[in-house]
Amino acid sequence: MINGGHVVIYSRDAEADRAFFRDVLEYPHVDAGGGWLIFKLPPTEVAVHPTDGPESQELYLMCDDVDATMKSLAAKGVEFTQPVTDARWGRLTRLRLPGGGEVGMYEPRHERATDL
């Protein structure tokens, strides 16, 4: 059976983004060879949303307190590209990766599948 998932982030500066996940987020990792780091993510969920537009995927990092997490990451030099907004399902923002890409971050208001 399927026993895991693998998220891929395409980056214009993969080395800088790998360093971000290693040094700023402090995610455990393995080196798959030649400095190609693969990171262990915290417990993860998958949601399927309807769309009338093109199909796409997004990565959101979850936290228990978006304000405290933003403060902690900002102290490490992380740039947030969107102010915190409230949605029915949580409080969310976006942060910039060193390579120029962005990922979402949110404090869920819904029951977490990771708690199952």
PDB file of N, CA and C in Angstrom:
ATOM      1  N   MET A   1       0.837  -1.200   0.000  1.00  0.00           N
ATOM      2  CA  MET A   1       0.000   0.000   0.000  1.00  0.00           C
ATOM      3  C   MET A   1       0.875   1.253   0.000  1.00  0.00           C
ATOM      4  N   ILE A   2       0.269   2.349  -0.326  1.00  0.00           N
ATOM      5  CA  ILE A   2       0.961   3.643  -0.292  1.00  0.00           C
ATOM      6  C   ILE A   2       1.235   3.977   1.169  1.00  0.00           C
ATOM      7  N   ASN A   3       2.471   4.353   1.467  1.00  0.00           N
ATOM      8  CA  ASN A   3       2.831   4.616   2.866  1.00  0.00           C
ATOM      9  C   ASN A   3       3.472   5.969   3.074  1.00  0.00           C
ATOM     10  N   GLY A   4       3.335   6.867   2.105  1.00  0.00           N
ATOM     11  CA  GLY A   4       3.904   8.195   2.264  1.00  0.00           C
ATOM     12  C   GLY A   4       3.611   9.057   1.063  1.00  0.00           C
ATOM     13  N   GLY A   5       4.020  10.284   1.124  1.00  0.00           N
ATOM     14  CA  GLY A   5       3.884  11.222   0.025  1.00  0.00           C
ATOM     15  C   GLY A   5       5.196  11.979  -0.141  1.00  0.00           C
ATOM     16  N   HIS A   6       5.335  12.630  -1.257  1.00  0.00           N
ATOM     17  CA  HIS A   6       6.559  13.386  -1.552  1.00  0.00           C
ATOM     18  C   HIS A   6       6.135  14.691  -2.227  1.00  0.00           C
ATOM     19  N   VAL A   7       6.444  15.813  -1.618  1.00  0.00           N
ATOM     20  CA  VAL A   7       6.118  17.130  -2.148  1.00  0.00           C
ATOM     21  C   VAL A   7       7.343  17.666  -2.867  1.00  0.00           C
ATOM     22  N   VAL A   8       7.157  18.228  -4.049  1.00  0.00           N
ATOM     23  CA  VAL A   8       8.255  18.821  -4.809  1.00  0.00           C
ATOM     24  C   VAL A   8       8.002  20.320  -4.925  1.00  0.00           C
ATOM     25  N   ILE A   9       8.996  21.123  -4.585  1.00  0.00           N
ATOM     26  CA  ILE A   9       8.943  22.572  -4.776  1.00  0.00           C
ATOM     27  C   ILE A   9       9.968  22.906  -5.854  1.00  0.00           C
ATOM     28  N   TYR A  10       9.510  23.450  -6.960  1.00  0.00           N
ATOM     29  CA  TYR A  10      10.433  23.881  -8.005  1.00  0.00           C
ATOM     30  C   TYR A  10      10.913  25.282  -7.661  1.00  0.00           C
ATOM     31  N   SER A  11      12.214  25.507  -7.798  1.00  0.00           N
ATOM     32  CA  SER A  11      12.808  26.750  -7.324  1.00  0.00           C
ATOM     33  C   SER A  11      13.834  27.276  -8.310  1.00  0.00           C
ATOM     34  N   ARG A  12      13.920  28.599  -8.396  1.00  0.00           N
ATOM     35  CA  ARG A  12      14.960  29.233  -9.206  1.00  0.00           C
ATOM     36  C   ARG A  12      16.304  29.231  -8.471  1.00  0.00           C
ATOM     37  N   ASP A  13      16.272  28.970  -7.146  1.00  0.00           N
ATOM     38  CA  ASP A  13      17.496  28.870  -6.348  1.00  0.00           C
ATOM     39  C   ASP A  13      17.308  27.743  -5.326  1.00  0.00           C
ATOM     40  N   ALA A  14      17.423  26.522  -5.807  1.00  0.00           N
ATOM     41  CA  ALA A  14      17.166  25.354  -4.965  1.00  0.00           C
ATOM     42  C   ALA A  14      18.105  25.294  -3.761  1.00  0.00           C
ATOM     43  N   GLU A  15      19.354  25.685  -3.938  1.00  0.00           N
ATOM     44  CA  GLU A  15      20.303  25.650  -2.819  1.00  0.00           C
ATOM     45  C   GLU A  15      19.837  26.558  -1.681  1.00  0.00           C
ATOM     46  N   ALA A  16      19.406  27.768  -2.012  1.00  0.00           N
ATOM     47  CA  ALA A  16      18.942  28.711  -0.988  1.00  0.00           C
ATOM     48  C   ALA A  16      17.679  28.193  -0.309  1.00  0.00           C
ATOM     49  N   ASP A  17      16.770  27.615  -1.086  1.00  0.00           N
ATOM     50  CA  ASP A  17      15.540  27.103  -0.487  1.00  0.00           C
ATOM     51  C   ASP A  17      15.802  25.872   0.365  1.00  0.00           C
ATOM     52  N   ARG A  18      16.734  25.032  -0.046  1.00  0.00           N
ATOM     53  CA  ARG A  18      17.112  23.885   0.792  1.00  0.00           C
ATOM     54  C   ARG A  18      17.715  24.374   2.107  1.00  0.00           C
ATOM     55  N   ALA A  19      18.559  25.391   2.037  1.00  0.00           N
ATOM     56  CA  ALA A  19      19.149  25.959   3.258  1.00  0.00           C
ATOM     57  C   ALA A  19      18.063  26.536   4.164  1.00  0.00           C
ATOM     58  N   PHE A  20      17.037  27.144   3.584  1.00  0.00           N
ATOM     59  CA  PHE A  20      15.918  27.696   4.357  1.00  0.00           C
ATOM     60  C   PHE A  20      15.216  26.586   5.141  1.00  0.00           C
ATOM     61  N   PHE A  21      14.869  25.496   4.466  1.00  0.00           N
ATOM     62  CA  PHE A  21      14.196  24.396   5.157  1.00  0.00           C
ATOM     63  C   PHE A  21      15.115  23.755   6.202  1.00  0.00           C
ATOM     64  N   ARG A  22      16.418  23.686   5.918  1.00  0.00           N
ATOM     65  CA  ARG A  22      17.378  23.092   6.850  1.00  0.00           C
ATOM     66  C   ARG A  22      17.671  24.016   8.026  1.00  0.00           C
ATOM     67  N   ASP A  23      17.992  25.296   7.760  1.00  0.00           N
ATOM     68  CA  ASP A  23      18.526  26.192   8.786  1.00  0.00           C
ATOM     69  C   ASP A  23      17.470  27.047   9.470  1.00  0.00           C
ATOM     70  N   VAL A  24      16.480  27.511   8.736  1.00  0.00           N
ATOM     71  CA  VAL A  24      15.465  28.382   9.323  1.00  0.00           C
ATOM     72  C   VAL A  24      14.323  27.566   9.914  1.00  0.00           C
ATOM     73  N   LEU A  25      13.750  26.659   9.121  1.00  0.00           N
ATOM     74  CA  LEU A  25      12.661  25.831   9.634  1.00  0.00           C
ATOM     75  C   LEU A  25      13.174  24.654  10.459  1.00  0.00           C
ATOM     76  N   GLU A  26      14.465  24.353  10.317  1.00  0.00           N
ATOM     77  CA  GLU A  26      15.131  23.292  11.074  1.00  0.00           C
ATOM     78  C   GLU A  26      14.469  21.932  10.893  1.00  0.00           C
ATOM     79  N   TYR A  27      14.063  21.628   9.652  1.00  0.00           N
ATOM     80  CA  TYR A  27      13.460  20.328   9.357  1.00  0.00           C
ATOM     81  C   TYR A  27      14.549  19.268   9.254  1.00  0.00           C
ATOM     82  N   PRO A  28      14.350  18.118   9.886  1.00  0.00           N
ATOM     83  CA  PRO A  28      15.293  17.014   9.718  1.00  0.00           C
ATOM     84  C   PRO A  28      15.342  16.629   8.238  1.00  0.00           C
ATOM     85  N   HIS A  29      16.484  16.098   7.811  1.00  0.00           N
ATOM     86  CA  HIS A  29      16.626  15.791   6.386  1.00  0.00           C
ATOM     87  C   HIS A  29      17.635  14.681   6.161  1.00  0.00           C
ATOM     88  N   VAL A  30      17.578  14.141   4.965  1.00  0.00           N
ATOM     89  CA  VAL A  30      18.593  13.208   4.497  1.00  0.00           C
ATOM     90  C   VAL A  30      19.200  13.804   3.239  1.00  0.00           C
ATOM     91  N   ASP A  31      20.422  13.411   2.953  1.00  0.00           N
ATOM     92  CA  ASP A  31      21.077  13.836   1.717  1.00  0.00           C
ATOM     93  C   ASP A  31      20.969  12.669   0.747  1.00  0.00           C
ATOM     94  N   ALA A  32      20.211  12.862  -0.318  1.00  0.00           N
ATOM     95  CA  ALA A  32      20.002  11.804  -1.308  1.00  0.00           C
ATOM     96  C   ALA A  32      21.193  11.693  -2.251  1.00  0.00           C
ATOM     97  N   GLY A  33      22.209  12.505  -2.017  1.00  0.00           N
ATOM     98  CA  GLY A  33      23.410  12.490  -2.837  1.00  0.00           C
ATOM     99  C   GLY A  33      23.673  13.838  -3.457  1.00  0.00           C
ATOM    100  N   GLY A  34      24.906  14.281  -3.395  1.00  0.00           N
ATOM    101  CA  GLY A  34      25.289  15.538  -4.033  1.00  0.00           C
ATOM    102  C   GLY A  34      24.627  16.770  -3.437  1.00  0.00           C
ATOM    103  N   GLY A  35      24.279  16.724  -2.153  1.00  0.00           N
ATOM    104  CA  GLY A  35      23.642  17.876  -1.522  1.00  0.00           C
ATOM    105  C   GLY A  35      22.152  17.989  -1.808  1.00  0.00           C
ATOM    106  N   TRP A  36      21.578  16.981  -2.413  1.00  0.00           N
ATOM    107  CA  TRP A  36      20.146  16.972  -2.735  1.00  0.00           C
ATOM    108  C   TRP A  36      19.409  16.572  -1.463  1.00  0.00           C
ATOM    109  N   LEU A  37      18.981  17.563  -0.681  1.00  0.00           N
ATOM    110  CA  LEU A  37      18.357  17.308   0.613  1.00  0.00           C
ATOM    111  C   LEU A  37      16.874  17.002   0.454  1.00  0.00           C
ATOM    112  N   ILE A  38      16.422  16.008   1.196  1.00  0.00           N
ATOM    113  CA  ILE A  38      15.003  15.660   1.256  1.00  0.00           C
ATOM    114  C   ILE A  38      14.596  15.789   2.715  1.00  0.00           C
ATOM    115  N   PHE A  39      13.542  16.559   2.960  1.00  0.00           N
ATOM    116  CA  PHE A  39      13.158  16.943   4.311  1.00  0.00           C
ATOM    117  C   PHE A  39      11.991  16.136   4.841  1.00  0.00           C
ATOM    118  N   LYS A  40      12.063  15.843   6.120  1.00  0.00           N
ATOM    119  CA  LYS A  40      10.943  15.240   6.821  1.00  0.00           C
ATOM    120  C   LYS A  40       9.979  16.364   7.162  1.00  0.00           C
ATOM    121  N   LEU A  41       8.742  16.217   6.745  1.00  0.00           N
ATOM    122  CA  LEU A  41       7.725  17.207   7.068  1.00  0.00           C
ATOM    123  C   LEU A  41       7.018  16.835   8.364  1.00  0.00           C
ATOM    124  N   PRO A  42       6.441  17.829   9.014  1.00  0.00           N
ATOM    125  CA  PRO A  42       5.572  17.511  10.143  1.00  0.00           C
ATOM    126  C   PRO A  42       4.372  16.713   9.613  1.00  0.00           C
ATOM    127  N   PRO A  43       3.553  16.160  10.502  1.00  0.00           N
ATOM    128  CA  PRO A  43       2.360  15.456  10.019  1.00  0.00           C
ATOM    129  C   PRO A  43       1.630  16.320   8.979  1.00  0.00           C
ATOM    130  N   THR A  44       1.178  15.677   7.924  1.00  0.00           N
ATOM    131  CA  THR A  44       0.668  16.398   6.760  1.00  0.00           C
ATOM    132  C   THR A  44      -0.717  15.908   6.384  1.00  0.00           C
ATOM    133  N   GLU A  45      -1.513  16.791   5.835  1.00  0.00           N
ATOM    134  CA  GLU A  45      -2.858  16.477   5.357  1.00  0.00           C
ATOM    135  C   GLU A  45      -2.930  16.766   3.859  1.00  0.00           C
ATOM    136  N   VAL A  46      -3.900  16.188   3.196  1.00  0.00           N
ATOM    137  CA  VAL A  46      -4.192  16.498   1.795  1.00  0.00           C
ATOM    138  C   VAL A  46      -5.661  16.861   1.707  1.00  0.00           C
ATOM    139  N   ALA A  47      -5.957  17.964   1.044  1.00  0.00           N
ATOM    140  CA  ALA A  47      -7.337  18.374   0.807  1.00  0.00           C
ATOM    141  C   ALA A  47      -7.536  18.504  -0.696  1.00  0.00           C
ATOM    142  N   VAL A  48      -8.718  18.170  -1.170  1.00  0.00           N
ATOM    143  CA  VAL A  48      -9.053  18.296  -2.589  1.00  0.00           C
ATOM    144  C   VAL A  48     -10.139  19.352  -2.703  1.00  0.00           C
ATOM    145  N   HIS A  49      -9.826  20.431  -3.431  1.00  0.00           N
ATOM    146  CA  HIS A  49     -10.749  21.548  -3.587  1.00  0.00           C
ATOM    147  C   HIS A  49     -11.257  21.600  -5.026  1.00  0.00           C
ATOM    148  N   PRO A  50     -12.506  21.987  -5.224  1.00  0.00           N
ATOM    149  CA  PRO A  50     -13.014  22.128  -6.592  1.00  0.00           C
ATOM    150  C   PRO A  50     -12.443  23.378  -7.256  1.00  0.00           C
ATOM    151  N   THR A  51     -12.372  23.360  -8.583  1.00  0.00           N
ATOM    152  CA  THR A  51     -11.924  24.532  -9.329  1.00  0.00           C
ATOM    153  C   THR A  51     -12.608  24.567 -10.683  1.00  0.00           C
ATOM    154  N   ASP A  52     -12.892  25.764 -11.141  1.00  0.00           N
ATOM    155  CA  ASP A  52     -13.370  25.956 -12.503  1.00  0.00           C
ATOM    156  C   ASP A  52     -12.210  26.360 -13.403  1.00  0.00           C
ATOM    157  N   GLY A  53     -11.080  26.696 -12.798  1.00  0.00           N
ATOM    158  CA  GLY A  53      -9.890  27.115 -13.537  1.00  0.00           C
ATOM    159  C   GLY A  53      -8.939  25.947 -13.727  1.00  0.00           C
ATOM    160  N   PRO A  54      -7.695  26.264 -14.033  1.00  0.00           N
ATOM    161  CA  PRO A  54      -6.707  25.204 -14.230  1.00  0.00           C
ATOM    162  C   PRO A  54      -6.449  24.448 -12.925  1.00  0.00           C
ATOM    163  N   GLU A  55      -6.175  23.163 -13.042  1.00  0.00           N
ATOM    164  CA  GLU A  55      -5.839  22.371 -11.875  1.00  0.00           C
ATOM    165  C   GLU A  55      -4.433  22.737 -11.414  1.00  0.00           C
ATOM    166  N   SER A  56      -4.225  22.790 -10.113  1.00  0.00           N
ATOM    167  CA  SER A  56      -2.918  23.144  -9.565  1.00  0.00           C
ATOM    168  C   SER A  56      -2.788  22.541  -8.176  1.00  0.00           C
ATOM    169  N   GLN A  57      -1.609  22.684  -7.591  1.00  0.00           N
ATOM    170  CA  GLN A  57      -1.347  22.227  -6.232  1.00  0.00           C
ATOM    171  C   GLN A  57      -0.725  23.378  -5.454  1.00  0.00           C
ATOM    172  N   GLU A  58      -0.926  23.358  -4.141  1.00  0.00           N
ATOM    173  CA  GLU A  58      -0.343  24.372  -3.270  1.00  0.00           C
ATOM    174  C   GLU A  58       0.225  23.694  -2.035  1.00  0.00           C
ATOM    175  N   LEU A  59       1.217  24.319  -1.432  1.00  0.00           N
ATOM    176  CA  LEU A  59       1.775  23.851  -0.172  1.00  0.00           C
ATOM    177  C   LEU A  59       1.464  24.888   0.897  1.00  0.00           C
ATOM    178  N   TYR A  60       0.843  24.449   1.974  1.00  0.00           N
ATOM    179  CA  TYR A  60       0.617  25.287   3.147  1.00  0.00           C
ATOM    180  C   TYR A  60       1.282  24.615   4.332  1.00  0.00           C
ATOM    181  N   LEU A  61       2.080  25.356   5.064  1.00  0.00           N
ATOM    182  CA  LEU A  61       2.633  24.894   6.325  1.00  0.00           C
ATOM    183  C   LEU A  61       1.628  25.263   7.408  1.00  0.00           C
ATOM    184  N   MET A  62       1.359  24.349   8.337  1.00  0.00           N
ATOM    185  CA  MET A  62       0.385  24.612   9.393  1.00  0.00           C
ATOM    186  C   MET A  62       1.104  24.930  10.702  1.00  0.00           C
ATOM    187  N   CYS A  63       0.465  25.762  11.514  1.00  0.00           N
ATOM    188  CA  CYS A  63       1.015  26.111  12.826  1.00  0.00           C
ATOM    189  C   CYS A  63      -0.132  26.276  13.809  1.00  0.00           C
ATOM    190  N   ASP A  64       0.189  26.270  15.084  1.00  0.00           N
ATOM    191  CA  ASP A  64      -0.834  26.433  16.123  1.00  0.00           C
ATOM    192  C   ASP A  64      -1.180  27.891  16.379  1.00  0.00           C
ATOM    193  N   ASP A  65      -0.242  28.801  16.122  1.00  0.00           N
ATOM    194  CA  ASP A  65      -0.442  30.229  16.398  1.00  0.00           C
ATOM    195  C   ASP A  65       0.273  31.020  15.306  1.00  0.00           C
ATOM    196  N   VAL A  66      -0.473  31.502  14.334  1.00  0.00           N
ATOM    197  CA  VAL A  66       0.141  32.157  13.183  1.00  0.00           C
ATOM    198  C   VAL A  66       0.898  33.423  13.583  1.00  0.00           C
ATOM    199  N   ASP A  67       0.382  34.180  14.542  1.00  0.00           N
ATOM    200  CA  ASP A  67       1.064  35.413  14.952  1.00  0.00           C
ATOM    201  C   ASP A  67       2.418  35.107  15.599  1.00  0.00           C
ATOM    202  N   ALA A  68       2.446  34.148  16.512  1.00  0.00           N
ATOM    203  CA  ALA A  68       3.696  33.793  17.191  1.00  0.00           C
ATOM    204  C   ALA A  68       4.695  33.184  16.201  1.00  0.00           C
ATOM    205  N   THR A  69       4.207  32.375  15.277  1.00  0.00           N
ATOM    206  CA  THR A  69       5.099  31.754  14.295  1.00  0.00           C
ATOM    207  C   THR A  69       5.672  32.806  13.357  1.00  0.00           C
ATOM    208  N   MET A  70       4.846  33.750  12.938  1.00  0.00           N
ATOM    209  CA  MET A  70       5.344  34.838  12.087  1.00  0.00           C
ATOM    210  C   MET A  70       6.416  35.634  12.814  1.00  0.00           C
ATOM    211  N   LYS A  71       6.204  35.934  14.080  1.00  0.00           N
ATOM    212  CA  LYS A  71       7.172  36.709  14.845  1.00  0.00           C
ATOM    213  C   LYS A  71       8.498  35.958  14.939  1.00  0.00           C
ATOM    214  N   SER A  72       8.426  34.661  15.222  1.00  0.00           N
ATOM    215  CA  SER A  72       9.629  33.847  15.336  1.00  0.00           C
ATOM    216  C   SER A  72      10.379  33.758  13.998  1.00  0.00           C
ATOM    217  N   LEU A  73       9.657  33.541  12.915  1.00  0.00           N
ATOM    218  CA  LEU A  73      10.305  33.441  11.603  1.00  0.00           C
ATOM    219  C   LEU A  73      10.810  34.795  11.110  1.00  0.00           C
ATOM    220  N   ALA A  74      10.085  35.872  11.395  1.00  0.00           N
ATOM    221  CA  ALA A  74      10.543  37.209  11.003  1.00  0.00           C
ATOM    222  C   ALA A  74      11.871  37.537  11.689  1.00  0.00           C
ATOM    223  N   ALA A  75      12.036  37.079  12.929  1.00  0.00           N
ATOM    224  CA  ALA A  75      13.296  37.305  13.643  1.00  0.00           C
ATOM    225  C   ALA A  75      14.459  36.575  12.969  1.00  0.00           C
ATOM    226  N   LYS A  76      14.151  35.562  12.165  1.00  0.00           N
ATOM    227  CA  LYS A  76      15.172  34.829  11.414  1.00  0.00           C
ATOM    228  C   LYS A  76      15.305  35.362   9.992  1.00  0.00           C
ATOM    229  N   GLY A  77      14.626  36.477   9.706  1.00  0.00           N
ATOM    230  CA  GLY A  77      14.755  37.113   8.406  1.00  0.00           C
ATOM    231  C   GLY A  77      13.737  36.688   7.363  1.00  0.00           C
ATOM    232  N   VAL A  78      12.731  35.939   7.748  1.00  0.00           N
ATOM    233  CA  VAL A  78      11.724  35.492   6.788  1.00  0.00           C
ATOM    234  C   VAL A  78      10.811  36.654   6.417  1.00  0.00           C
ATOM    235  N   GLU A  79      10.552  36.808   5.120  1.00  0.00           N
ATOM    236  CA  GLU A  79       9.673  37.861   4.603  1.00  0.00           C
ATOM    237  C   GLU A  79       8.279  37.285   4.383  1.00  0.00           C
ATOM    238  N   PHE A  80       7.282  37.961   4.895  1.00  0.00           N
ATOM    239  CA  PHE A  80       5.890  37.574   4.667  1.00  0.00           C
ATOM    240  C   PHE A  80       5.325  38.471   3.580  1.00  0.00           C
ATOM    241  N   THR A  81       4.691  37.861   2.593  1.00  0.00           N
ATOM    242  CA  THR A  81       4.234  38.598   1.413  1.00  0.00           C
ATOM    243  C   THR A  81       2.760  38.928   1.454  1.00  0.00           C
ATOM    244  N   GLN A  82       2.090  38.480   2.480  1.00  0.00           N
ATOM    245  CA  GLN A  82       0.654  38.732   2.612  1.00  0.00           C
ATOM    246  C   GLN A  82       0.331  38.908   4.086  1.00  0.00           C
ATOM    247  N   PRO A  83      -0.437  39.926   4.426  1.00  0.00           N
ATOM    248  CA  PRO A  83      -0.841  40.047   5.833  1.00  0.00           C
ATOM    249  C   PRO A  83      -1.763  38.886   6.203  1.00  0.00           C
ATOM    250  N   VAL A  84      -1.895  38.643   7.482  1.00  0.00           N
ATOM    251  CA  VAL A  84      -2.780  37.573   7.947  1.00  0.00           C
ATOM    252  C   VAL A  84      -4.212  37.916   7.549  1.00  0.00           C
ATOM    253  N   THR A  85      -4.871  36.953   6.942  1.00  0.00           N
ATOM    254  CA  THR A  85      -6.283  37.102   6.600  1.00  0.00           C
ATOM    255  C   THR A  85      -7.064  35.993   7.291  1.00  0.00           C
ATOM    256  N   ASP A  86      -8.316  36.284   7.550  1.00  0.00           N
ATOM    257  CA  ASP A  86      -9.194  35.317   8.199  1.00  0.00           C
ATOM    258  C   ASP A  86     -10.069  34.652   7.149  1.00  0.00           C
ATOM    259  N   ALA A  87     -10.103  33.343   7.205  1.00  0.00           N
ATOM    260  CA  ALA A  87     -11.003  32.555   6.368  1.00  0.00           C
ATOM    261  C   ALA A  87     -11.819  31.671   7.311  1.00  0.00           C
ATOM    262  N   ARG A  88     -12.893  31.143   6.805  1.00  0.00           N
ATOM    263  CA  ARG A  88     -13.741  30.276   7.625  1.00  0.00           C
ATOM    264  C   ARG A  88     -12.925  29.129   8.209  1.00  0.00           C
ATOM    265  N   TRP A  89     -11.950  28.647   7.459  1.00  0.00           N
ATOM    266  CA  TRP A  89     -11.182  27.466   7.840  1.00  0.00           C
ATOM    267  C   TRP A  89      -9.882  27.767   8.574  1.00  0.00           C
ATOM    268  N   GLY A  90      -9.478  29.066   8.671  1.00  0.00           N
ATOM    269  CA  GLY A  90      -8.254  29.374   9.408  1.00  0.00           C
ATOM    270  C   GLY A  90      -7.741  30.777   9.160  1.00  0.00           C
ATOM    271  N   ARG A  91      -6.626  31.088   9.785  1.00  0.00           N
ATOM    272  CA  ARG A  91      -5.942  32.369   9.614  1.00  0.00           C
ATOM    273  C   ARG A  91      -4.701  32.087   8.788  1.00  0.00           C
ATOM    274  N   LEU A  92      -4.525  32.815   7.682  1.00  0.00           N
ATOM    275  CA  LEU A  92      -3.443  32.462   6.788  1.00  0.00           C
ATOM    276  C   LEU A  92      -2.624  33.649   6.330  1.00  0.00           C
ATOM    277  N   THR A  93      -1.410  33.323   5.902  1.00  0.00           N
ATOM    278  CA  THR A  93      -0.473  34.281   5.339  1.00  0.00           C
ATOM    279  C   THR A  93       0.363  33.542   4.302  1.00  0.00           C
ATOM    280  N   ARG A  94       1.287  34.229   3.690  1.00  0.00           N
ATOM    281  CA  ARG A  94       2.220  33.620   2.746  1.00  0.00           C
ATOM    282  C   ARG A  94       3.624  34.112   3.076  1.00  0.00           C
ATOM    283  N   LEU A  95       4.611  33.241   2.887  1.00  0.00           N
ATOM    284  CA  LEU A  95       5.994  33.637   3.123  1.00  0.00           C
ATOM    285  C   LEU A  95       6.815  33.377   1.870  1.00  0.00           C
ATOM    286  N   ARG A  96       7.862  34.184   1.718  1.00  0.00           N
ATOM    287  CA  ARG A  96       8.727  34.071   0.555  1.00  0.00           C
ATOM    288  C   ARG A  96       9.904  33.152   0.870  1.00  0.00           C
ATOM    289  N   LEU A  97      10.141  32.232  -0.033  1.00  0.00           N
ATOM    290  CA  LEU A  97      11.337  31.396   0.045  1.00  0.00           C
ATOM    291  C   LEU A  97      12.518  32.172  -0.524  1.00  0.00           C
ATOM    292  N   PRO A  98      13.731  31.877  -0.113  1.00  0.00           N
ATOM    293  CA  PRO A  98      14.893  32.615  -0.624  1.00  0.00           C
ATOM    294  C   PRO A  98      15.016  32.564  -2.148  1.00  0.00           C
ATOM    295  N   GLY A  99      14.544  31.479  -2.774  1.00  0.00           N
ATOM    296  CA  GLY A  99      14.607  31.356  -4.223  1.00  0.00           C
ATOM    297  C   GLY A  99      13.572  32.177  -4.958  1.00  0.00           C
ATOM    298  N   GLY A 100      12.696  32.872  -4.215  1.00  0.00           N
ATOM    299  CA  GLY A 100      11.701  33.743  -4.820  1.00  0.00           C
ATOM    300  C   GLY A 100      10.291  33.190  -4.805  1.00  0.00           C
ATOM    301  N   GLY A 101      10.131  31.894  -4.619  1.00  0.00           N
ATOM    302  CA  GLY A 101       8.796  31.299  -4.556  1.00  0.00           C
ATOM    303  C   GLY A 101       8.103  31.635  -3.245  1.00  0.00           C
ATOM    304  N   GLU A 102       6.860  31.261  -3.161  1.00  0.00           N
ATOM    305  CA  GLU A 102       6.080  31.496  -1.944  1.00  0.00           C
ATOM    306  C   GLU A 102       5.375  30.218  -1.526  1.00  0.00           C
ATOM    307  N   VAL A 103       5.182  30.068  -0.226  1.00  0.00           N
ATOM    308  CA  VAL A 103       4.335  29.010   0.316  1.00  0.00           C
ATOM    309  C   VAL A 103       3.383  29.651   1.314  1.00  0.00           C
ATOM    310  N   GLY A 104       2.245  29.016   1.480  1.00  0.00           N
ATOM    311  CA  GLY A 104       1.274  29.496   2.447  1.00  0.00           C
ATOM    312  C   GLY A 104       1.579  28.957   3.835  1.00  0.00           C
ATOM    313  N   MET A 105       1.072  29.643   4.827  1.00  0.00           N
ATOM    314  CA  MET A 105       1.169  29.182   6.210  1.00  0.00           C
ATOM    315  C   MET A 105      -0.139  29.538   6.879  1.00  0.00           C
ATOM    316  N   TYR A 106      -0.703  28.594   7.628  1.00  0.00           N
ATOM    317  CA  TYR A 106      -1.958  28.920   8.292  1.00  0.00           C
ATOM    318  C   TYR A 106      -2.151  28.203   9.606  1.00  0.00           C
ATOM    319  N   GLU A 107      -2.999  28.823  10.406  1.00  0.00           N
ATOM    320  CA  GLU A 107      -3.443  28.306  11.699  1.00  0.00           C
ATOM    321  C   GLU A 107      -4.856  27.766  11.466  1.00  0.00           C
ATOM    322  N   PRO A 108      -5.013  26.442  11.405  1.00  0.00           N
ATOM    323  CA  PRO A 108      -6.326  25.900  11.074  1.00  0.00           C
ATOM    324  C   PRO A 108      -7.356  26.114  12.179  1.00  0.00           C
ATOM    325  N   ARG A 109      -8.583  26.332  11.755  1.00  0.00           N
ATOM    326  CA  ARG A 109      -9.724  26.395  12.671  1.00  0.00           C
ATOM    327  C   ARG A 109     -10.517  25.089  12.629  1.00  0.00           C
ATOM    328  N   HIS A 110     -10.215  24.259  11.657  1.00  0.00           N
ATOM    329  CA  HIS A 110     -10.928  22.991  11.489  1.00  0.00           C
ATOM    330  C   HIS A 110     -10.230  21.889  12.279  1.00  0.00           C
ATOM    331  N   GLU A 111     -10.927  20.804  12.484  1.00  0.00           N
ATOM    332  CA  GLU A 111     -10.306  19.633  13.091  1.00  0.00           C
ATOM    333  C   GLU A 111      -9.173  19.189  12.181  1.00  0.00           C
ATOM    334  N   ARG A 112      -8.060  18.825  12.762  1.00  0.00           N
ATOM    335  CA  ARG A 112      -6.885  18.444  11.970  1.00  0.00           C
ATOM    336  C   ARG A 112      -6.872  16.932  11.734  1.00  0.00           C
ATOM    337  N   ALA A 113      -6.751  16.549  10.483  1.00  0.00           N
ATOM    338  CA  ALA A 113      -6.647  15.133  10.153  1.00  0.00           C
ATOM    339  C   ALA A 113      -5.382  14.535  10.751  1.00  0.00           C
ATOM    340  N   THR A 114      -4.366  15.381  10.998  1.00  0.00           N
ATOM    341  CA  THR A 114      -3.125  14.884  11.591  1.00  0.00           C
ATOM    342  C   THR A 114      -3.335  14.393  13.024  1.00  0.00           C
ATOM    343  N   ASP A 115      -4.465  14.760  13.633  1.00  0.00           N
ATOM    344  CA  ASP A 115      -4.767  14.334  14.999  1.00  0.00           C
ATOM    345  C   ASP A 115      -5.454  12.980  15.048  1.00  0.00           C
ATOM    346  N   LEU A 116      -5.780  12.401  13.889  1.00  0.00           N
ATOM    347  CA  LEU A 116      -6.473  11.108  13.851  1.00  0.00           C
ATOM    348  C   LEU A 116      -5.553   9.981  14.253  1.00  0.00           C
TER     349      LEU A 116
END
